[in-house]
């Protein structure tokens, strides 16, 4: 697998080549590790929404419905018994559940490198010399992506993750309403986004920064 990629400008024209760091973009993919890291990230982002009340939390039920003996009926202490309509729930979900799953930092970074490497091997990773817009223009952003689809990808099915090296509001707001596009900064890079999008477009500065961050730690 070649680790030399073309670097394009915003008109989808090749301007030079860049050599990728093998320890970041040429890692052997282990599906088991990627699965473990993806499940951990999804679980750590999961919110506890479902919540039911047990018999101690349901309002009312303080008075004993009838006396203990002499009625011929079964004894009962509260109308909020789980056996009664309007009573508590026995084994329902509660807000105390914890879905957090631990995974060490090195494994998380390794999984990200594997996802990046997989995109390189599948010709699904593009490098852009810079991502710069002089004004807030969705039309200009769409024109840039269309140029890549026509000249480089030969595929109009838009499903791309754009990774910028720094926060840029003009880039963010110009492309956020386009279908099939997600824009994140380098500090927000995560495994699930890399897996959810077929292609990735990185700025040259982002590639260099990733090599600095992850290259020496593998």
N, C-alpha and C. Protein backbone atom coordinates (compact mmCIF):
# COMPACT_ATOMS: atom_id res chain seq x y z
N UNK A 1 0.84 -1.20 0.00
CA UNK A 1 0.00 0.00 0.00
C UNK A 1 0.88 1.25 0.00
N UNK A 2 0.65 2.10 -0.98
CA UNK A 2 1.44 3.33 -1.09
C UNK A 2 0.95 4.35 -0.07
N UNK A 3 1.91 5.00 0.60
CA UNK A 3 1.56 6.03 1.58
C UNK A 3 1.84 7.42 1.03
N UNK A 4 1.99 7.50 -0.28
CA UNK A 4 2.14 8.80 -0.94
C UNK A 4 0.79 9.19 -1.54
N UNK A 5 0.26 10.32 -1.10
CA UNK A 5 -1.03 10.77 -1.59
C UNK A 5 -0.89 12.14 -2.26
N UNK A 6 -1.73 12.37 -3.25
CA UNK A 6 -1.76 13.67 -3.88
C UNK A 6 -2.42 14.69 -2.96
N UNK A 7 -1.94 15.91 -3.02
CA UNK A 7 -2.54 17.01 -2.27
C UNK A 7 -3.26 17.90 -3.28
N UNK A 8 -4.53 18.16 -3.01
CA UNK A 8 -5.35 18.93 -3.95
C UNK A 8 -5.63 20.33 -3.41
N UNK A 9 -5.90 21.24 -4.32
CA UNK A 9 -6.40 22.55 -3.90
C UNK A 9 -7.93 22.52 -3.90
N UNK A 10 -8.55 23.63 -3.63
CA UNK A 10 -10.01 23.66 -3.50
C UNK A 10 -10.72 23.54 -4.85
N UNK A 11 -9.95 23.55 -5.92
CA UNK A 11 -10.53 23.33 -7.25
C UNK A 11 -10.37 21.88 -7.69
N UNK A 12 -9.93 21.02 -6.75
CA UNK A 12 -9.74 19.59 -7.01
C UNK A 12 -8.62 19.34 -8.01
N UNK A 13 -7.61 20.21 -8.01
CA UNK A 13 -6.45 20.03 -8.87
C UNK A 13 -5.25 19.60 -8.02
N UNK A 14 -4.55 18.57 -8.46
CA UNK A 14 -3.38 18.08 -7.73
C UNK A 14 -2.25 19.10 -7.81
N UNK A 15 -1.71 19.48 -6.66
CA UNK A 15 -0.65 20.49 -6.63
C UNK A 15 0.69 19.90 -6.18
N UNK A 16 0.65 18.79 -5.43
CA UNK A 16 1.89 18.16 -4.97
C UNK A 16 1.56 16.81 -4.37
N UNK A 17 2.56 16.16 -3.78
CA UNK A 17 2.36 14.89 -3.09
C UNK A 17 2.82 15.00 -1.66
N UNK A 18 2.23 14.19 -0.80
CA UNK A 18 2.63 14.15 0.60
C UNK A 18 2.85 12.70 1.00
N UNK A 19 3.88 12.47 1.81
CA UNK A 19 4.15 11.12 2.31
C UNK A 19 3.53 10.99 3.70
N UNK A 20 2.69 10.01 3.87
CA UNK A 20 1.98 9.82 5.13
C UNK A 20 2.83 9.03 6.12
N UNK A 21 2.62 9.31 7.39
CA UNK A 21 3.31 8.60 8.46
C UNK A 21 2.76 7.18 8.55
N UNK A 22 3.65 6.18 8.40
CA UNK A 22 3.22 4.78 8.37
C UNK A 22 2.58 4.34 9.68
N UNK A 23 3.04 4.89 10.81
CA UNK A 23 2.52 4.47 12.11
C UNK A 23 1.15 5.05 12.39
N UNK A 24 0.67 5.93 11.51
CA UNK A 24 -0.67 6.51 11.67
C UNK A 24 -1.59 6.10 10.54
N UNK A 25 -1.07 6.13 9.30
CA UNK A 25 -1.91 5.89 8.14
C UNK A 25 -1.61 4.56 7.45
N UNK A 26 -0.72 3.77 8.03
CA UNK A 26 -0.40 2.47 7.43
C UNK A 26 -0.47 1.35 8.44
N UNK A 27 -1.41 1.44 9.37
CA UNK A 27 -1.55 0.45 10.45
C UNK A 27 -2.42 -0.71 9.99
N UNK A 28 -2.02 -1.93 10.37
CA UNK A 28 -2.85 -3.10 10.05
C UNK A 28 -4.15 -3.04 10.84
N UNK A 29 -5.24 -3.29 10.15
CA UNK A 29 -6.56 -3.15 10.77
C UNK A 29 -6.93 -4.41 11.55
N UNK A 30 -7.35 -4.22 12.80
CA UNK A 30 -7.86 -5.31 13.63
C UNK A 30 -9.32 -5.01 13.96
N UNK A 31 -10.26 -5.71 13.30
CA UNK A 31 -11.68 -5.42 13.52
C UNK A 31 -12.12 -5.54 14.98
N UNK A 32 -11.48 -6.44 15.73
CA UNK A 32 -11.87 -6.63 17.12
C UNK A 32 -11.62 -5.36 17.94
N UNK A 33 -10.49 -4.73 17.72
CA UNK A 33 -10.16 -3.51 18.45
C UNK A 33 -11.07 -2.35 18.04
N UNK A 34 -11.31 -2.24 16.74
CA UNK A 34 -12.20 -1.18 16.26
C UNK A 34 -13.60 -1.35 16.84
N UNK A 35 -14.07 -2.59 16.87
CA UNK A 35 -15.40 -2.85 17.44
C UNK A 35 -15.44 -2.48 18.91
N UNK A 36 -14.42 -2.87 19.66
CA UNK A 36 -14.38 -2.57 21.09
C UNK A 36 -14.37 -1.07 21.34
N UNK A 37 -13.57 -0.34 20.58
CA UNK A 37 -13.48 1.11 20.76
C UNK A 37 -14.78 1.80 20.34
N UNK A 38 -15.40 1.31 19.27
CA UNK A 38 -16.66 1.91 18.80
C UNK A 38 -17.78 1.69 19.80
N UNK A 39 -17.87 0.50 20.35
CA UNK A 39 -18.91 0.20 21.35
C UNK A 39 -18.69 1.05 22.60
N UNK A 40 -17.44 1.19 23.01
CA UNK A 40 -17.14 2.00 24.20
C UNK A 40 -17.53 3.46 23.98
N UNK A 41 -17.21 4.01 22.81
CA UNK A 41 -17.57 5.40 22.53
C UNK A 41 -19.09 5.59 22.50
N UNK A 42 -19.80 4.65 21.89
CA UNK A 42 -21.25 4.75 21.82
C UNK A 42 -21.87 4.64 23.21
N UNK A 43 -21.36 3.72 24.03
CA UNK A 43 -21.89 3.56 25.38
C UNK A 43 -21.61 4.77 26.25
N UNK A 44 -20.44 5.37 26.09
CA UNK A 44 -20.08 6.53 26.91
C UNK A 44 -20.90 7.77 26.53
N UNK A 45 -21.43 7.77 25.31
CA UNK A 45 -22.26 8.89 24.88
C UNK A 45 -23.75 8.64 25.14
N UNK A 46 -24.08 7.46 25.60
CA UNK A 46 -25.49 7.09 25.77
C UNK A 46 -26.12 7.80 26.97
N UNK A 47 -27.31 8.31 26.76
CA UNK A 47 -28.04 8.99 27.83
C UNK A 47 -29.03 8.02 28.46
N UNK A 48 -29.24 8.18 29.77
CA UNK A 48 -30.22 7.36 30.47
C UNK A 48 -31.57 8.08 30.37
N UNK A 49 -32.43 7.60 29.48
CA UNK A 49 -33.71 8.26 29.26
C UNK A 49 -34.87 7.52 29.92
N UNK A 50 -34.92 6.20 29.78
CA UNK A 50 -36.02 5.43 30.35
C UNK A 50 -35.90 5.38 31.87
N UNK A 51 -37.00 5.66 32.56
CA UNK A 51 -36.99 5.64 34.03
C UNK A 51 -38.38 5.31 34.53
N UNK A 52 -38.49 4.32 35.38
CA UNK A 52 -39.77 3.94 35.99
C UNK A 52 -39.68 4.08 37.50
N UNK A 53 -40.83 4.16 38.16
CA UNK A 53 -40.89 4.32 39.62
C UNK A 53 -41.25 2.99 40.28
N UNK A 54 -40.54 2.68 41.36
CA UNK A 54 -40.93 1.51 42.13
C UNK A 54 -42.01 1.92 43.14
N UNK A 55 -42.44 1.00 43.98
CA UNK A 55 -43.58 1.26 44.86
C UNK A 55 -43.29 2.37 45.88
N UNK A 56 -42.02 2.60 46.19
CA UNK A 56 -41.69 3.66 47.16
C UNK A 56 -41.71 5.04 46.53
N UNK A 57 -41.67 5.12 45.18
CA UNK A 57 -41.61 6.41 44.49
C UNK A 57 -42.96 6.86 43.95
N UNK A 58 -43.90 5.93 43.80
CA UNK A 58 -45.23 6.29 43.29
C UNK A 58 -45.98 7.05 44.38
N UNK A 59 -46.59 8.18 44.00
CA UNK A 59 -47.31 9.00 44.99
C UNK A 59 -48.57 8.28 45.48
N UNK A 60 -48.94 8.55 46.76
CA UNK A 60 -50.12 7.93 47.37
C UNK A 60 -49.79 6.58 47.96
N UNK A 61 -50.85 5.87 48.34
CA UNK A 61 -50.65 4.52 48.87
C UNK A 61 -50.25 4.49 50.32
N UNK A 62 -50.39 5.59 51.03
CA UNK A 62 -49.98 5.60 52.44
C UNK A 62 -50.96 4.89 53.36
N UNK A 63 -52.21 4.89 52.98
CA UNK A 63 -53.25 4.28 53.83
C UNK A 63 -53.42 2.81 53.45
N UNK A 64 -53.56 1.98 54.47
CA UNK A 64 -53.82 0.55 54.23
C UNK A 64 -55.23 0.40 53.65
N UNK A 65 -55.36 -0.25 52.49
CA UNK A 65 -56.68 -0.32 51.81
C UNK A 65 -57.79 -0.91 52.68
N UNK A 66 -57.50 -1.95 53.40
CA UNK A 66 -58.48 -2.52 54.34
C UNK A 66 -57.73 -3.20 55.47
N UNK A 67 -58.47 -3.54 56.48
CA UNK A 67 -57.82 -4.08 57.67
C UNK A 67 -57.19 -5.43 57.36
N UNK A 68 -56.26 -5.81 58.22
CA UNK A 68 -55.45 -6.99 57.98
C UNK A 68 -56.30 -8.27 57.98
N UNK A 69 -57.22 -8.39 58.92
CA UNK A 69 -57.97 -9.65 59.08
C UNK A 69 -59.47 -9.41 59.03
N UNK A 70 -60.21 -10.46 58.79
CA UNK A 70 -61.65 -10.43 58.91
C UNK A 70 -62.43 -10.08 57.66
N UNK A 71 -61.76 -9.74 56.56
CA UNK A 71 -62.50 -9.35 55.35
C UNK A 71 -62.66 -10.51 54.37
N UNK A 72 -61.89 -11.55 54.55
CA UNK A 72 -61.92 -12.66 53.60
C UNK A 72 -61.05 -12.44 52.39
N UNK A 73 -60.47 -11.27 52.29
CA UNK A 73 -59.59 -10.97 51.15
C UNK A 73 -58.12 -11.09 51.56
N UNK A 74 -57.28 -11.17 50.54
CA UNK A 74 -55.85 -11.27 50.82
C UNK A 74 -55.36 -10.00 51.50
N UNK A 75 -54.41 -10.15 52.38
CA UNK A 75 -53.86 -8.99 53.09
C UNK A 75 -53.07 -8.12 52.11
N UNK A 76 -53.14 -6.83 52.29
CA UNK A 76 -52.41 -5.89 51.45
C UNK A 76 -52.09 -4.66 52.27
N UNK A 77 -50.89 -4.15 52.07
CA UNK A 77 -50.45 -3.02 52.88
C UNK A 77 -50.53 -1.68 52.16
N UNK A 78 -50.55 -1.68 50.82
CA UNK A 78 -50.54 -0.42 50.08
C UNK A 78 -51.21 -0.61 48.72
N UNK A 79 -51.90 0.43 48.28
CA UNK A 79 -52.52 0.37 46.94
C UNK A 79 -51.49 0.63 45.85
N UNK A 80 -50.24 0.89 46.24
CA UNK A 80 -49.18 1.10 45.26
C UNK A 80 -48.31 -0.14 45.09
N UNK A 81 -48.86 -1.28 45.50
CA UNK A 81 -48.18 -2.54 45.28
C UNK A 81 -48.02 -2.78 43.78
N UNK A 82 -46.92 -3.37 43.35
CA UNK A 82 -46.74 -3.66 41.91
C UNK A 82 -47.83 -4.56 41.35
N UNK A 83 -48.56 -5.25 42.21
CA UNK A 83 -49.64 -6.12 41.74
C UNK A 83 -50.91 -5.35 41.41
N UNK A 84 -50.96 -4.10 41.84
CA UNK A 84 -52.16 -3.29 41.64
C UNK A 84 -51.98 -2.35 40.46
N UNK A 85 -53.12 -2.01 39.83
CA UNK A 85 -53.09 -1.01 38.78
C UNK A 85 -52.73 0.33 39.39
N UNK A 86 -51.77 1.04 38.77
CA UNK A 86 -51.30 2.32 39.31
C UNK A 86 -50.19 2.15 40.34
N UNK A 87 -49.78 0.89 40.55
CA UNK A 87 -48.70 0.64 41.51
C UNK A 87 -47.32 0.82 40.89
N UNK A 88 -46.30 0.50 41.66
CA UNK A 88 -44.93 0.64 41.18
C UNK A 88 -44.56 -0.44 40.18
N UNK A 89 -43.42 -0.25 39.53
CA UNK A 89 -42.90 -1.22 38.58
C UNK A 89 -41.81 -2.04 39.27
N UNK A 90 -41.85 -3.35 39.05
CA UNK A 90 -40.91 -4.21 39.79
C UNK A 90 -39.49 -4.13 39.24
N UNK A 91 -39.30 -4.50 38.00
CA UNK A 91 -37.96 -4.57 37.44
C UNK A 91 -37.79 -3.62 36.25
N UNK A 92 -38.43 -2.47 36.29
CA UNK A 92 -38.33 -1.53 35.19
C UNK A 92 -37.00 -0.80 35.16
N UNK A 93 -36.69 -0.14 34.04
CA UNK A 93 -35.43 0.64 33.95
C UNK A 93 -35.45 1.85 34.88
N UNK A 94 -34.31 2.21 35.41
CA UNK A 94 -34.22 3.35 36.32
C UNK A 94 -33.12 4.31 35.85
N UNK A 95 -33.16 5.51 36.38
CA UNK A 95 -32.18 6.53 36.00
C UNK A 95 -30.80 6.27 36.60
N UNK A 96 -30.70 5.27 37.46
CA UNK A 96 -29.42 4.96 38.12
C UNK A 96 -28.53 4.07 37.26
N UNK A 97 -29.00 3.64 36.09
CA UNK A 97 -28.17 2.77 35.26
C UNK A 97 -26.94 3.52 34.74
N UNK A 98 -25.87 2.80 34.59
CA UNK A 98 -24.61 3.39 34.13
C UNK A 98 -24.08 2.58 32.96
N UNK A 99 -24.02 3.22 31.79
CA UNK A 99 -23.57 2.52 30.58
C UNK A 99 -22.10 2.77 30.27
N UNK A 100 -21.41 3.51 31.13
CA UNK A 100 -20.02 3.87 30.86
C UNK A 100 -19.15 2.63 30.71
N UNK A 101 -18.24 2.71 29.76
CA UNK A 101 -17.33 1.60 29.50
C UNK A 101 -15.92 2.15 29.35
N UNK A 102 -15.01 1.60 30.10
CA UNK A 102 -13.64 2.11 30.09
C UNK A 102 -12.85 1.51 28.94
N UNK A 103 -12.03 2.36 28.34
CA UNK A 103 -11.08 1.91 27.32
C UNK A 103 -9.88 2.83 27.41
N UNK A 104 -8.69 2.27 27.42
CA UNK A 104 -7.52 3.13 27.62
C UNK A 104 -7.22 3.97 26.39
N UNK A 105 -6.49 5.04 26.61
CA UNK A 105 -6.24 6.03 25.57
C UNK A 105 -5.45 5.46 24.39
N UNK A 106 -4.53 4.58 24.69
CA UNK A 106 -3.71 4.02 23.62
C UNK A 106 -4.55 3.16 22.67
N UNK A 107 -5.48 2.40 23.22
CA UNK A 107 -6.37 1.58 22.39
C UNK A 107 -7.27 2.46 21.53
N UNK A 108 -7.76 3.55 22.12
CA UNK A 108 -8.64 4.47 21.39
C UNK A 108 -7.89 5.11 20.21
N UNK A 109 -6.68 5.55 20.47
CA UNK A 109 -5.88 6.17 19.40
C UNK A 109 -5.50 5.15 18.33
N UNK A 110 -5.21 3.92 18.75
CA UNK A 110 -4.86 2.88 17.78
C UNK A 110 -6.04 2.59 16.86
N UNK A 111 -7.25 2.57 17.43
CA UNK A 111 -8.45 2.32 16.63
C UNK A 111 -8.67 3.44 15.61
N UNK A 112 -8.42 4.68 16.02
CA UNK A 112 -8.55 5.81 15.09
C UNK A 112 -7.54 5.68 13.95
N UNK A 113 -6.31 5.29 14.29
CA UNK A 113 -5.29 5.11 13.25
C UNK A 113 -5.68 3.99 12.29
N UNK A 114 -6.30 2.94 12.82
CA UNK A 114 -6.74 1.85 11.96
C UNK A 114 -7.84 2.32 11.01
N UNK A 115 -8.76 3.14 11.51
CA UNK A 115 -9.84 3.65 10.65
C UNK A 115 -9.27 4.56 9.56
N UNK A 116 -8.28 5.39 9.92
CA UNK A 116 -7.63 6.24 8.92
C UNK A 116 -6.87 5.39 7.90
N UNK A 117 -6.18 4.37 8.37
CA UNK A 117 -5.42 3.49 7.48
C UNK A 117 -6.33 2.75 6.51
N UNK A 118 -7.50 2.35 7.01
CA UNK A 118 -8.46 1.65 6.15
C UNK A 118 -8.96 2.56 5.03
N UNK A 119 -9.13 3.84 5.35
CA UNK A 119 -9.57 4.78 4.33
C UNK A 119 -8.45 5.03 3.30
N UNK A 120 -7.21 5.04 3.76
CA UNK A 120 -6.09 5.20 2.82
C UNK A 120 -6.02 4.01 1.88
N UNK A 121 -6.12 2.81 2.42
CA UNK A 121 -6.03 1.60 1.59
C UNK A 121 -7.21 1.47 0.63
N UNK A 122 -8.35 2.07 1.00
CA UNK A 122 -9.52 2.01 0.13
C UNK A 122 -9.68 3.22 -0.77
N UNK A 123 -8.63 4.03 -0.86
CA UNK A 123 -8.65 5.25 -1.69
C UNK A 123 -9.82 6.16 -1.31
N UNK A 124 -10.11 6.21 -0.02
CA UNK A 124 -11.23 7.02 0.47
C UNK A 124 -10.77 8.20 1.31
N UNK A 125 -9.48 8.46 1.32
CA UNK A 125 -8.95 9.59 2.07
C UNK A 125 -8.33 10.59 1.11
N UNK A 126 -8.77 11.83 1.19
CA UNK A 126 -8.26 12.90 0.34
C UNK A 126 -7.56 13.95 1.19
N UNK A 127 -6.53 14.56 0.64
CA UNK A 127 -5.78 15.60 1.35
C UNK A 127 -5.92 16.91 0.59
N UNK A 128 -6.27 17.95 1.33
CA UNK A 128 -6.48 19.28 0.78
C UNK A 128 -5.39 20.20 1.29
N UNK A 129 -4.82 21.02 0.42
CA UNK A 129 -3.72 21.88 0.87
C UNK A 129 -4.16 22.86 1.95
N UNK A 130 -5.35 23.40 1.81
CA UNK A 130 -5.93 24.26 2.84
C UNK A 130 -7.42 24.39 2.59
N UNK A 131 -8.14 24.69 3.65
CA UNK A 131 -9.58 24.88 3.57
C UNK A 131 -9.87 26.30 4.01
N UNK A 132 -10.12 27.16 3.03
CA UNK A 132 -10.21 28.58 3.34
C UNK A 132 -11.29 29.23 2.47
N UNK A 133 -12.23 29.91 3.12
CA UNK A 133 -13.28 30.64 2.41
C UNK A 133 -13.28 32.09 2.89
N UNK A 134 -13.40 32.99 1.95
CA UNK A 134 -13.36 34.41 2.29
C UNK A 134 -14.68 34.92 2.87
N UNK A 135 -15.76 34.17 2.63
CA UNK A 135 -17.06 34.58 3.15
C UNK A 135 -17.92 33.35 3.41
N UNK A 136 -19.03 33.57 4.08
CA UNK A 136 -19.95 32.49 4.38
C UNK A 136 -20.76 32.16 3.13
N UNK A 137 -20.39 31.10 2.42
CA UNK A 137 -21.04 30.77 1.17
C UNK A 137 -21.22 29.24 1.04
N UNK A 138 -22.42 28.78 1.23
CA UNK A 138 -22.71 27.36 1.05
C UNK A 138 -22.51 26.97 -0.41
N UNK A 139 -22.84 27.88 -1.30
CA UNK A 139 -22.69 27.62 -2.74
C UNK A 139 -21.23 27.34 -3.09
N UNK A 140 -20.31 28.10 -2.51
CA UNK A 140 -18.89 27.90 -2.79
C UNK A 140 -18.41 26.56 -2.22
N UNK A 141 -18.90 26.22 -1.05
CA UNK A 141 -18.51 24.95 -0.42
C UNK A 141 -19.03 23.78 -1.26
N UNK A 142 -20.26 23.90 -1.71
CA UNK A 142 -20.85 22.84 -2.53
C UNK A 142 -20.10 22.71 -3.86
N UNK A 143 -19.67 23.82 -4.42
CA UNK A 143 -18.92 23.80 -5.68
C UNK A 143 -17.59 23.07 -5.50
N UNK A 144 -16.94 23.25 -4.35
CA UNK A 144 -15.68 22.57 -4.07
C UNK A 144 -15.90 21.05 -4.02
N UNK A 145 -16.93 20.62 -3.29
CA UNK A 145 -17.20 19.19 -3.19
C UNK A 145 -17.61 18.60 -4.53
N UNK A 146 -18.37 19.34 -5.31
CA UNK A 146 -18.77 18.86 -6.63
C UNK A 146 -17.57 18.68 -7.53
N UNK A 147 -16.59 19.58 -7.42
CA UNK A 147 -15.37 19.45 -8.22
C UNK A 147 -14.61 18.17 -7.87
N UNK A 148 -14.54 17.83 -6.59
CA UNK A 148 -13.88 16.59 -6.17
C UNK A 148 -14.65 15.38 -6.67
N UNK A 149 -15.97 15.44 -6.61
CA UNK A 149 -16.78 14.31 -7.06
C UNK A 149 -16.62 14.06 -8.56
N UNK A 150 -16.47 15.13 -9.32
CA UNK A 150 -16.37 14.99 -10.77
C UNK A 150 -14.95 14.68 -11.25
N UNK A 151 -13.96 15.31 -10.63
CA UNK A 151 -12.59 15.19 -11.11
C UNK A 151 -11.78 14.07 -10.44
N UNK A 152 -12.06 13.80 -9.19
CA UNK A 152 -11.22 12.87 -8.43
C UNK A 152 -11.95 11.57 -8.10
N UNK A 153 -13.14 11.69 -7.53
CA UNK A 153 -13.85 10.51 -7.03
C UNK A 153 -14.65 9.79 -8.09
N UNK A 154 -15.12 10.51 -9.09
CA UNK A 154 -16.01 9.94 -10.11
C UNK A 154 -17.22 9.27 -9.46
N UNK A 155 -17.73 9.93 -8.45
CA UNK A 155 -18.86 9.39 -7.68
C UNK A 155 -19.63 10.56 -7.09
N UNK A 156 -20.90 10.62 -7.38
CA UNK A 156 -21.71 11.76 -6.90
C UNK A 156 -22.45 11.44 -5.61
N UNK A 157 -22.26 10.22 -5.08
CA UNK A 157 -22.90 9.89 -3.80
C UNK A 157 -22.12 10.57 -2.68
N UNK A 158 -22.64 11.62 -2.16
CA UNK A 158 -21.92 12.42 -1.17
C UNK A 158 -22.05 11.82 0.22
N UNK A 159 -20.94 11.41 0.77
CA UNK A 159 -20.90 10.83 2.11
C UNK A 159 -19.48 11.05 2.64
N UNK A 160 -19.23 12.24 3.15
CA UNK A 160 -17.85 12.63 3.42
C UNK A 160 -17.70 13.35 4.76
N UNK A 161 -16.63 13.00 5.47
CA UNK A 161 -16.26 13.66 6.71
C UNK A 161 -15.11 14.60 6.41
N UNK A 162 -15.27 15.86 6.78
CA UNK A 162 -14.23 16.87 6.52
C UNK A 162 -13.55 17.23 7.84
N UNK A 163 -12.25 17.03 7.86
CA UNK A 163 -11.48 17.28 9.08
C UNK A 163 -10.58 18.49 8.86
N UNK A 164 -10.90 19.57 9.57
CA UNK A 164 -10.13 20.80 9.45
C UNK A 164 -9.11 20.86 10.58
N UNK A 165 -7.98 21.48 10.32
CA UNK A 165 -6.94 21.52 11.36
C UNK A 165 -7.24 22.52 12.46
N UNK A 166 -8.09 23.50 12.20
CA UNK A 166 -8.40 24.52 13.21
C UNK A 166 -9.85 24.95 13.06
N UNK A 167 -10.36 25.55 14.11
CA UNK A 167 -11.74 26.03 14.08
C UNK A 167 -11.86 27.20 13.12
N UNK A 168 -12.83 27.12 12.23
CA UNK A 168 -13.05 28.17 11.24
C UNK A 168 -14.56 28.30 11.02
N UNK A 169 -15.13 29.38 11.48
CA UNK A 169 -16.59 29.56 11.39
C UNK A 169 -17.07 29.65 9.95
N UNK A 170 -16.27 30.22 9.07
CA UNK A 170 -16.68 30.33 7.67
C UNK A 170 -16.80 28.95 7.04
N UNK A 171 -15.87 28.07 7.37
CA UNK A 171 -15.95 26.69 6.87
C UNK A 171 -17.12 25.96 7.50
N UNK A 172 -17.27 26.12 8.79
CA UNK A 172 -18.32 25.42 9.53
C UNK A 172 -19.71 25.78 9.02
N UNK A 173 -19.98 27.07 8.93
CA UNK A 173 -21.32 27.52 8.56
C UNK A 173 -21.58 27.44 7.06
N UNK A 174 -20.55 27.38 6.26
CA UNK A 174 -20.73 27.26 4.81
C UNK A 174 -21.15 25.84 4.42
N UNK A 175 -20.68 24.86 5.19
CA UNK A 175 -20.96 23.48 4.79
C UNK A 175 -21.91 22.71 5.67
N UNK A 176 -22.40 23.31 6.75
CA UNK A 176 -23.17 22.53 7.71
C UNK A 176 -24.56 22.12 7.21
N UNK A 177 -25.10 22.83 6.21
CA UNK A 177 -26.44 22.50 5.71
C UNK A 177 -26.42 21.55 4.51
N UNK A 178 -25.25 21.13 4.10
CA UNK A 178 -25.15 20.23 2.96
C UNK A 178 -25.39 18.79 3.41
N UNK A 179 -26.24 18.09 2.67
CA UNK A 179 -26.54 16.70 3.00
C UNK A 179 -25.32 15.82 2.74
N UNK A 180 -25.10 14.84 3.63
CA UNK A 180 -24.00 13.90 3.45
C UNK A 180 -22.65 14.47 3.79
N UNK A 181 -22.62 15.58 4.52
CA UNK A 181 -21.35 16.23 4.87
C UNK A 181 -21.32 16.50 6.37
N UNK A 182 -20.21 16.21 7.00
CA UNK A 182 -19.99 16.60 8.40
C UNK A 182 -18.61 17.22 8.51
N UNK A 183 -18.55 18.35 9.21
CA UNK A 183 -17.28 19.08 9.37
C UNK A 183 -16.90 19.08 10.85
N UNK A 184 -15.71 18.61 11.15
CA UNK A 184 -15.23 18.63 12.53
C UNK A 184 -13.81 19.19 12.56
N UNK A 185 -13.42 19.64 13.74
CA UNK A 185 -12.05 20.09 13.94
C UNK A 185 -11.18 18.92 14.38
N UNK A 186 -9.90 19.09 14.30
CA UNK A 186 -8.97 18.03 14.67
C UNK A 186 -9.18 17.58 16.11
N UNK A 187 -9.49 18.51 17.00
CA UNK A 187 -9.67 18.17 18.41
C UNK A 187 -10.92 17.32 18.65
N UNK A 188 -11.84 17.29 17.67
CA UNK A 188 -13.07 16.51 17.81
C UNK A 188 -13.04 15.21 17.02
N UNK A 189 -11.89 14.84 16.52
CA UNK A 189 -11.77 13.60 15.75
C UNK A 189 -12.14 12.41 16.63
N UNK A 190 -13.00 11.54 16.12
CA UNK A 190 -13.41 10.37 16.87
C UNK A 190 -13.67 9.20 15.93
N UNK A 191 -13.70 8.01 16.50
CA UNK A 191 -13.79 6.79 15.72
C UNK A 191 -15.14 6.65 15.01
N UNK A 192 -16.23 6.95 15.69
CA UNK A 192 -17.55 6.73 15.11
C UNK A 192 -17.78 7.59 13.86
N UNK A 193 -17.30 8.82 13.87
CA UNK A 193 -17.43 9.66 12.68
C UNK A 193 -16.65 9.08 11.51
N UNK A 194 -15.46 8.56 11.79
CA UNK A 194 -14.65 7.96 10.74
C UNK A 194 -15.33 6.72 10.15
N UNK A 195 -16.03 5.97 11.00
CA UNK A 195 -16.69 4.76 10.54
C UNK A 195 -18.01 5.06 9.82
N UNK A 196 -18.66 6.14 10.22
CA UNK A 196 -19.99 6.44 9.68
C UNK A 196 -19.95 7.07 8.29
N UNK A 197 -18.80 7.61 7.90
CA UNK A 197 -18.69 8.26 6.58
C UNK A 197 -17.73 7.47 5.69
N UNK A 198 -18.14 7.30 4.43
CA UNK A 198 -17.34 6.49 3.50
C UNK A 198 -16.01 7.14 3.16
N UNK A 199 -16.00 8.47 3.09
CA UNK A 199 -14.78 9.17 2.68
C UNK A 199 -14.40 10.21 3.73
N UNK A 200 -13.14 10.58 3.71
CA UNK A 200 -12.64 11.61 4.62
C UNK A 200 -11.78 12.59 3.83
N UNK A 201 -11.98 13.87 4.11
CA UNK A 201 -11.19 14.93 3.47
C UNK A 201 -10.45 15.68 4.57
N UNK A 202 -9.13 15.60 4.57
CA UNK A 202 -8.30 16.22 5.60
C UNK A 202 -7.45 17.32 4.99
N UNK A 203 -7.24 18.38 5.75
CA UNK A 203 -6.30 19.40 5.31
C UNK A 203 -4.88 18.88 5.55
N UNK A 204 -3.95 19.42 4.80
CA UNK A 204 -2.55 19.00 4.94
C UNK A 204 -2.04 19.26 6.35
N UNK A 205 -2.46 20.37 6.93
CA UNK A 205 -2.05 20.69 8.31
C UNK A 205 -2.61 19.67 9.29
N UNK A 206 -3.82 19.17 9.04
CA UNK A 206 -4.41 18.15 9.92
C UNK A 206 -3.63 16.85 9.82
N UNK A 207 -3.21 16.48 8.63
CA UNK A 207 -2.40 15.26 8.44
C UNK A 207 -1.09 15.38 9.21
N UNK A 208 -0.45 16.52 9.10
CA UNK A 208 0.83 16.74 9.81
C UNK A 208 0.62 16.68 11.33
N UNK A 209 -0.44 17.29 11.78
CA UNK A 209 -0.72 17.30 13.23
C UNK A 209 -1.04 15.90 13.75
N UNK A 210 -1.78 15.12 12.98
CA UNK A 210 -2.08 13.75 13.39
C UNK A 210 -0.81 12.91 13.49
N UNK A 211 0.11 13.12 12.56
CA UNK A 211 1.38 12.39 12.60
C UNK A 211 2.18 12.76 13.85
N UNK A 212 2.10 14.02 14.26
CA UNK A 212 2.80 14.46 15.48
C UNK A 212 2.15 13.90 16.73
N UNK A 213 0.82 13.84 16.73
CA UNK A 213 0.11 13.41 17.93
C UNK A 213 0.18 11.91 18.14
N UNK A 214 -0.01 11.14 17.05
CA UNK A 214 -0.15 9.69 17.19
C UNK A 214 1.07 8.91 16.71
N UNK A 215 1.90 9.52 15.89
CA UNK A 215 3.00 8.80 15.26
C UNK A 215 4.02 8.23 16.23
N UNK A 216 4.38 8.97 17.25
CA UNK A 216 5.43 8.54 18.17
C UNK A 216 4.91 7.70 19.31
N UNK A 217 3.59 7.51 19.36
CA UNK A 217 3.00 6.79 20.49
C UNK A 217 2.61 5.36 20.12
N UNK A 218 2.82 4.98 18.88
CA UNK A 218 2.40 3.65 18.46
C UNK A 218 3.42 2.60 18.86
